[in-house]
């Protein structure tokens, strides 16, 4: 099935689509082998899609959850139950809580199903506009002809479209600032290999896949000038939770003189969380590490530890890019100047 195309440069994918009385999600677990869609007609289906990683990426999770509330409203289901159910789907991505709190405030103000539908649509449209603006802001920091590295998937699949970190990369390629992209495979779910490479190749962006463990070696060559990543939660001091493996990239980048950029909408910033130490890191089933594509690859009896995220200290981040602006060398004071205003 063809995805919705747009006129924007290097931007052809819309993975979260509202169809009036149901939500259609591109099943990201099956990419790149299959482009299969899931039609969610109730809150339960949306919750399962979020829990099972059929839809993933902090902004996309929040958008899908907002539509899950709309589905409950349209079916006359208890909205308090729907909000609680969706909120419990993933604990780390603050966008999920942000979107649900926004829908909850509309419910408290007496919004009916039609008004909630309009609110969810606005959330989705605002995210797309923010992504384009962040793309411009982030790309402006990059010297022409640079090579960049990214981790996990932060593109159209993870958002309403265009992407956060991949939005900067799309904008940078279009402006001639980025000549080569290196994508880490991102074990254990292979979001970089399966999803980011699928997006980059589909949109004609020069890209090479690397093993996660090759990142530091690549940095020694001078081929990488920036590491550009997304975020699932940014604390008030600039500490950032993102896909597991991000922290070690930040350490390697600092050692090799490579700049490190975090790109996320303001909805990812949680000023109520003081630092990364206060972020709840999700642990998933150890079986995800013990198997590949459902086939066990590790000896029976082996155990595994499977955190999904890690926290990169603000001291290792050169710039946080949001639609509100760029925070260079983030600190509590610099974060407050932008997000407490």
Protein backbone atom coordinates (compact mmCIF):
# COMPACT_ATOMS: atom_id res chain seq x y z
CA UNK A 1 0.00 0.00 0.00
CA UNK A 2 1.31 3.45 -0.86
CA UNK A 3 1.80 5.96 1.91
CA UNK A 4 0.48 9.51 1.72
CA UNK A 5 2.87 11.70 -0.27
CA UNK A 6 3.54 15.35 0.36
CA UNK A 7 5.35 18.03 -1.60
CA UNK A 8 7.97 18.63 1.10
CA UNK A 9 11.54 17.66 0.26
CA UNK A 10 12.51 14.13 1.31
CA UNK A 11 9.18 13.69 3.09
CA UNK A 12 6.79 11.02 1.82
CA UNK A 13 5.59 9.12 4.89
CA UNK A 14 2.54 9.50 7.15
CA UNK A 15 2.29 6.53 9.51
CA UNK A 16 -0.54 7.75 11.81
CA UNK A 17 -3.73 8.44 9.87
CA UNK A 18 -7.20 9.35 11.15
CA UNK A 19 -10.06 8.14 8.94
CA UNK A 20 -13.10 9.67 10.60
CA UNK A 21 -14.16 6.76 12.78
CA UNK A 22 -10.99 4.70 13.09
CA UNK A 23 -7.23 5.20 13.43
CA UNK A 24 -4.94 3.60 10.85
CA UNK A 25 -1.37 2.85 11.95
CA UNK A 26 1.51 1.55 9.88
CA UNK A 27 2.71 -1.56 11.75
CA UNK A 28 6.35 -0.73 12.38
CA UNK A 29 7.13 -4.20 13.68
CA UNK A 30 6.92 -5.59 10.15
CA UNK A 31 9.02 -3.02 8.29
CA UNK A 32 10.85 -3.14 5.98
CA UNK A 33 9.62 -6.54 4.79
CA UNK A 34 5.93 -5.64 4.86
CA UNK A 35 3.98 -2.38 4.75
CA UNK A 36 0.93 -3.51 6.69
CA UNK A 37 -1.63 -1.28 8.39
CA UNK A 38 -3.57 -1.76 11.61
CA UNK A 39 -7.05 -0.28 11.85
CA UNK A 40 -7.80 0.66 15.46
CA UNK A 41 -11.51 1.06 16.13
CA UNK A 42 -11.42 1.31 19.93
CA UNK A 43 -9.17 2.35 22.79
CA UNK A 44 -8.07 -1.21 23.48
CA UNK A 45 -6.62 -1.54 19.98
CA UNK A 46 -4.72 1.74 20.31
CA UNK A 47 -3.37 0.72 23.72
CA UNK A 48 -2.14 -2.61 22.38
CA UNK A 49 -0.53 -0.92 19.38
CA UNK A 50 1.43 1.37 21.74
CA UNK A 51 2.40 -1.41 24.16
CA UNK A 52 3.43 -3.80 21.39
CA UNK A 53 5.50 -1.16 19.51
CA UNK A 54 3.33 -1.28 16.41
CA UNK A 55 3.40 2.49 16.85
CA UNK A 56 6.49 3.95 18.53
CA UNK A 57 8.38 7.19 18.84
CA UNK A 58 7.40 9.62 21.58
CA UNK A 59 5.41 12.12 19.45
CA UNK A 60 3.60 9.37 17.51
CA UNK A 61 2.67 7.63 20.75
CA UNK A 62 1.13 10.85 22.09
CA UNK A 63 -0.78 11.48 18.87
CA UNK A 64 -2.09 7.91 18.74
CA UNK A 65 -3.18 8.15 22.38
CA UNK A 66 -5.12 11.35 21.66
CA UNK A 67 -6.98 9.52 18.91
CA UNK A 68 -7.57 6.66 21.34
CA UNK A 69 -9.49 9.08 23.57
CA UNK A 70 -11.52 10.21 20.58
CA UNK A 71 -12.44 6.61 19.80
CA UNK A 72 -13.66 6.13 23.38
CA UNK A 73 -15.74 9.30 23.16
CA UNK A 74 -17.31 8.30 19.87
CA UNK A 75 -18.31 4.94 21.30
CA UNK A 76 -19.68 6.36 24.53
CA UNK A 77 -17.09 4.58 26.65
CA UNK A 78 -15.97 5.93 30.06
CA UNK A 79 -13.30 8.50 29.30
CA UNK A 80 -11.61 8.24 32.69
CA UNK A 81 -10.99 4.57 32.04
CA UNK A 82 -9.68 5.27 28.53
CA UNK A 83 -7.28 7.92 29.83
CA UNK A 84 -5.94 5.62 32.55
CA UNK A 85 -5.58 2.69 30.17
CA UNK A 86 -3.66 4.69 27.59
CA UNK A 87 -1.50 6.40 30.22
CA UNK A 88 -0.28 3.01 31.46
CA UNK A 89 0.76 1.82 28.00
CA UNK A 90 4.35 3.20 28.10
CA UNK A 91 5.88 4.87 31.19
CA UNK A 92 8.90 6.81 29.86
CA UNK A 93 7.69 8.89 26.90
CA UNK A 94 6.32 12.10 28.38
CA UNK A 95 4.53 12.99 25.13
CA UNK A 96 2.01 10.29 25.97
CA UNK A 97 1.18 11.94 29.29
CA UNK A 98 1.24 15.41 27.73
CA UNK A 99 -1.25 14.50 25.00
CA UNK A 100 -3.56 12.72 27.43
CA UNK A 101 -3.45 15.63 29.88
CA UNK A 102 -4.37 17.95 27.02
CA UNK A 103 -7.33 15.75 26.10
CA UNK A 104 -8.31 15.46 29.76
CA UNK A 105 -8.43 19.25 30.11
CA UNK A 106 -10.76 19.44 27.11
CA UNK A 107 -12.97 16.77 28.67
CA UNK A 108 -13.07 18.72 31.93
CA UNK A 109 -14.17 21.78 29.96
CA UNK A 110 -17.13 19.84 28.61
CA UNK A 111 -15.82 18.84 25.17
CA UNK A 112 -17.95 16.36 23.26
CA UNK A 113 -16.64 13.76 20.81
CA UNK A 114 -16.51 16.25 17.94
CA UNK A 115 -14.51 18.75 19.99
CA UNK A 116 -12.12 16.02 21.12
CA UNK A 117 -11.65 14.99 17.50
CA UNK A 118 -10.72 18.57 16.61
CA UNK A 119 -8.25 18.69 19.50
CA UNK A 120 -6.53 15.48 18.43
CA UNK A 121 -6.27 16.82 14.90
CA UNK A 122 -4.70 20.04 16.20
CA UNK A 123 -2.17 18.01 18.24
CA UNK A 124 -1.19 16.12 15.10
CA UNK A 125 -0.96 19.24 12.94
CA UNK A 126 1.05 21.13 15.56
CA UNK A 127 3.54 18.29 15.72
CA UNK A 128 4.11 18.38 11.95
CA UNK A 129 4.60 22.16 11.97
CA UNK A 130 6.99 21.88 14.92
CA UNK A 131 9.02 19.22 13.12
CA UNK A 132 9.53 21.43 10.07
CA UNK A 133 10.59 24.36 12.25
CA UNK A 134 12.99 22.22 14.29
CA UNK A 135 14.44 20.90 11.05
CA UNK A 136 15.34 24.41 9.99
CA UNK A 137 16.77 25.36 13.39
CA UNK A 138 18.86 22.23 13.75
CA UNK A 139 20.16 22.20 10.18
CA UNK A 140 21.40 25.78 10.62
CA UNK A 141 23.89 24.52 13.25
CA UNK A 142 25.58 22.12 10.84
CA UNK A 143 28.46 23.12 8.56
CA UNK A 144 27.87 22.45 4.82
CA UNK A 145 28.90 19.01 3.58
CA UNK A 146 28.94 17.34 7.01
CA UNK A 147 28.49 13.70 7.87
CA UNK A 148 26.12 12.95 10.74
CA UNK A 149 25.16 9.96 12.84
CA UNK A 150 21.74 9.12 14.23
CA UNK A 151 20.32 6.47 16.54
CA UNK A 152 17.00 4.63 16.66
CA UNK A 153 14.19 6.09 14.52
CA UNK A 154 13.12 9.71 14.86
CA UNK A 155 11.51 10.30 11.49
CA UNK A 156 8.04 10.32 10.01
CA UNK A 157 7.37 6.91 11.52
CA UNK A 158 7.96 8.28 15.01
CA UNK A 159 5.98 11.50 14.60
CA UNK A 160 3.12 13.01 12.62
CA UNK A 161 5.57 13.36 9.73
CA UNK A 162 9.02 14.70 8.73
CA UNK A 163 10.55 13.80 12.07
CA UNK A 164 12.56 15.31 14.93
CA UNK A 165 16.21 14.30 14.53
CA UNK A 166 15.43 12.96 11.06
CA UNK A 167 13.61 16.23 10.38
CA UNK A 168 16.91 18.04 10.98
CA UNK A 169 18.59 15.52 8.70
CA UNK A 170 15.96 15.98 5.99
CA UNK A 171 16.32 19.75 6.21
CA UNK A 172 20.11 19.48 6.30
CA UNK A 173 20.25 17.30 3.20
CA UNK A 174 17.92 19.65 1.33
CA UNK A 175 20.11 22.63 2.28
CA UNK A 176 23.36 20.93 1.32
CA UNK A 177 24.58 20.89 4.91
CA UNK A 178 24.48 17.10 5.30
CA UNK A 179 26.29 14.97 2.74
CA UNK A 180 26.17 11.58 4.46
CA UNK A 181 24.08 9.95 7.18
CA UNK A 182 25.22 7.01 9.32
CA UNK A 183 22.46 5.12 11.12
CA UNK A 184 23.16 2.77 14.01
CA UNK A 185 21.24 -0.50 13.90
CA UNK A 186 19.72 0.05 17.40
CA UNK A 187 19.49 -3.31 19.08
CA UNK A 188 17.41 -5.15 20.10
CA UNK A 189 14.46 -3.94 18.01
CA UNK A 190 16.66 -2.75 15.13
CA UNK A 191 14.76 0.51 14.67
CA UNK A 192 17.76 2.07 12.95
CA UNK A 193 18.27 -0.84 10.59
CA UNK A 194 14.63 -1.58 9.89
CA UNK A 195 12.97 1.85 10.11
CA UNK A 196 15.48 4.66 9.75
CA UNK A 197 17.20 3.07 6.77
CA UNK A 198 13.78 2.40 5.22
CA UNK A 199 12.90 6.08 5.54
CA UNK A 200 16.25 7.36 4.32
CA UNK A 201 16.44 5.07 1.30
CA UNK A 202 12.79 5.72 0.43
CA UNK A 203 13.36 9.47 0.45
CA UNK A 204 16.65 9.40 -1.46
CA UNK A 205 18.91 10.48 1.41
CA UNK A 206 22.54 9.21 1.28
CA UNK A 207 22.81 6.77 4.16
CA UNK A 208 24.92 3.92 5.47
CA UNK A 209 24.00 1.48 8.21
CA UNK A 210 26.59 0.74 10.90
CA UNK A 211 26.66 -1.74 13.74
CA UNK A 212 25.99 -0.05 17.06
CA UNK A 213 29.44 -1.14 18.19
CA UNK A 214 31.12 0.58 15.19
CA UNK A 215 30.14 4.12 16.23
CA UNK A 216 33.29 5.07 18.13
CA UNK A 217 35.53 3.63 15.42
CA UNK A 218 33.69 5.67 12.78
CA UNK A 219 34.13 8.83 14.84
CA UNK A 220 37.92 8.39 14.78
CA UNK A 221 37.84 8.83 10.99
CA UNK A 222 36.47 12.36 11.16
CA UNK A 223 33.53 11.36 8.97
CA UNK A 224 30.99 12.39 11.62
CA UNK A 225 30.60 16.02 12.72
CA UNK A 226 27.31 15.70 14.64
CA UNK A 227 25.38 12.97 16.41
CA UNK A 228 21.69 13.87 16.10
CA UNK A 229 19.13 12.03 18.23
CA UNK A 230 15.58 12.39 19.47
CA UNK A 231 14.26 12.17 23.02
CA UNK A 232 11.52 10.49 24.99
CA UNK A 233 11.80 12.82 27.97
CA UNK A 234 13.94 15.87 28.70
CA UNK A 235 14.29 16.85 32.35
CA UNK A 236 14.35 20.39 33.70
CA UNK A 237 18.16 20.44 33.78
CA UNK A 238 18.50 19.16 30.20
CA UNK A 239 19.21 15.51 31.05
CA UNK A 240 17.65 13.47 28.26
CA UNK A 241 16.11 10.00 28.17
CA UNK A 242 16.31 8.37 24.77
CA UNK A 243 16.68 4.94 23.21
CA UNK A 244 19.18 2.69 24.95
CA UNK A 245 22.63 3.30 23.51
CA UNK A 246 22.28 7.07 23.26
CA UNK A 247 24.33 7.73 26.39
CA UNK A 248 27.35 5.81 25.11
CA UNK A 249 27.17 7.73 21.80
CA UNK A 250 27.27 11.00 23.74
CA UNK A 251 30.33 9.84 25.69
CA UNK A 252 32.08 8.77 22.48
CA UNK A 253 31.12 12.02 20.74
CA UNK A 254 32.59 14.15 23.52
CA UNK A 255 35.84 12.17 23.51
CA UNK A 256 36.23 12.52 19.72
CA UNK A 257 35.21 16.18 19.47
CA UNK A 258 31.93 15.38 17.73
CA UNK A 259 28.95 17.63 18.50
CA UNK A 260 25.83 16.11 20.06
CA UNK A 261 22.32 17.40 19.27
CA UNK A 262 18.97 16.40 20.81
CA UNK A 263 15.87 17.26 18.78
CA UNK A 264 12.40 17.06 20.32
CA UNK A 265 9.19 19.08 20.53
CA UNK A 266 8.50 21.09 23.67
CA UNK A 267 5.94 18.45 24.66
CA UNK A 268 8.91 16.16 25.39
CA UNK A 269 10.30 18.61 27.94
CA UNK A 270 9.16 17.78 31.47
CA UNK A 271 9.99 20.70 33.75
CA UNK A 272 8.38 18.79 36.64
CA UNK A 273 11.19 16.23 36.43
CA UNK A 274 14.26 17.79 38.00
CA UNK A 275 16.92 15.54 36.48
CA UNK A 276 17.51 12.28 34.69
CA UNK A 277 17.71 10.48 38.01
CA UNK A 278 13.95 10.99 38.37
CA UNK A 279 13.03 9.46 34.99
CA UNK A 280 11.35 6.05 35.10
CA UNK A 281 13.29 3.80 32.72
CA UNK A 282 11.12 1.15 31.12
CA UNK A 283 12.30 -2.45 31.28
CA UNK A 284 10.96 -4.78 28.63
CA UNK A 285 10.80 -8.54 28.27
CA UNK A 286 14.32 -10.06 28.36
CA UNK A 287 13.19 -12.37 25.55
CA UNK A 288 13.63 -9.44 23.15
CA UNK A 289 17.40 -9.78 23.67
CA UNK A 290 17.41 -13.55 23.53
CA UNK A 291 15.73 -13.84 20.15
CA UNK A 292 15.87 -12.29 16.69
CA UNK A 293 12.62 -12.05 14.70
CA UNK A 294 11.04 -14.54 17.09
CA UNK A 295 13.83 -17.12 16.75
CA UNK A 296 15.88 -17.77 19.86
CA UNK A 297 19.59 -17.14 19.30
CA UNK A 298 20.89 -17.49 22.88
CA UNK A 299 21.33 -20.73 24.80
CA UNK A 300 18.40 -21.86 26.90
CA UNK A 301 18.80 -20.90 30.54
CA UNK A 302 20.56 -17.61 29.74
CA UNK A 303 19.19 -14.46 31.37
CA UNK A 304 19.08 -10.90 30.03
CA UNK A 305 18.57 -7.32 31.22
CA UNK A 306 16.63 -5.18 28.76
CA UNK A 307 16.24 -1.46 29.57
CA UNK A 308 14.65 0.38 26.66
CA UNK A 309 16.10 3.82 27.43
CA UNK A 310 19.10 5.46 29.03
CA UNK A 311 19.76 9.01 30.22
CA UNK A 312 22.34 11.31 28.64
CA UNK A 313 23.51 14.01 31.09
CA UNK A 314 23.04 17.58 29.93
CA UNK A 315 26.79 18.10 30.28
CA UNK A 316 27.31 15.89 27.22
CA UNK A 317 24.71 17.70 25.05
CA UNK A 318 25.80 20.60 22.84
CA UNK A 319 22.33 21.66 21.75
CA UNK A 320 18.70 20.83 22.46
CA UNK A 321 16.51 21.87 19.53
CA UNK A 322 12.78 22.42 20.04
CA UNK A 323 10.22 24.42 18.11
CA UNK A 324 10.65 27.15 20.75
CA UNK A 325 14.31 27.57 19.91
CA UNK A 326 17.80 26.14 20.41
CA UNK A 327 19.20 25.67 23.92
CA UNK A 328 22.98 25.42 23.61
CA UNK A 329 24.95 23.88 26.50
CA UNK A 330 21.69 23.17 28.36
CA UNK A 331 21.42 23.92 32.07
CA UNK A 332 18.60 24.48 34.54
CA UNK A 333 18.77 28.23 33.97
CA UNK A 334 18.78 27.98 30.18
CA UNK A 335 15.94 25.47 30.21
CA UNK A 336 13.86 27.68 32.51
CA UNK A 337 14.45 30.71 30.29
CA UNK A 338 12.68 28.88 27.45
CA UNK A 339 10.15 26.61 29.14
CA UNK A 340 9.11 28.49 32.28
CA UNK A 341 8.34 31.68 30.34
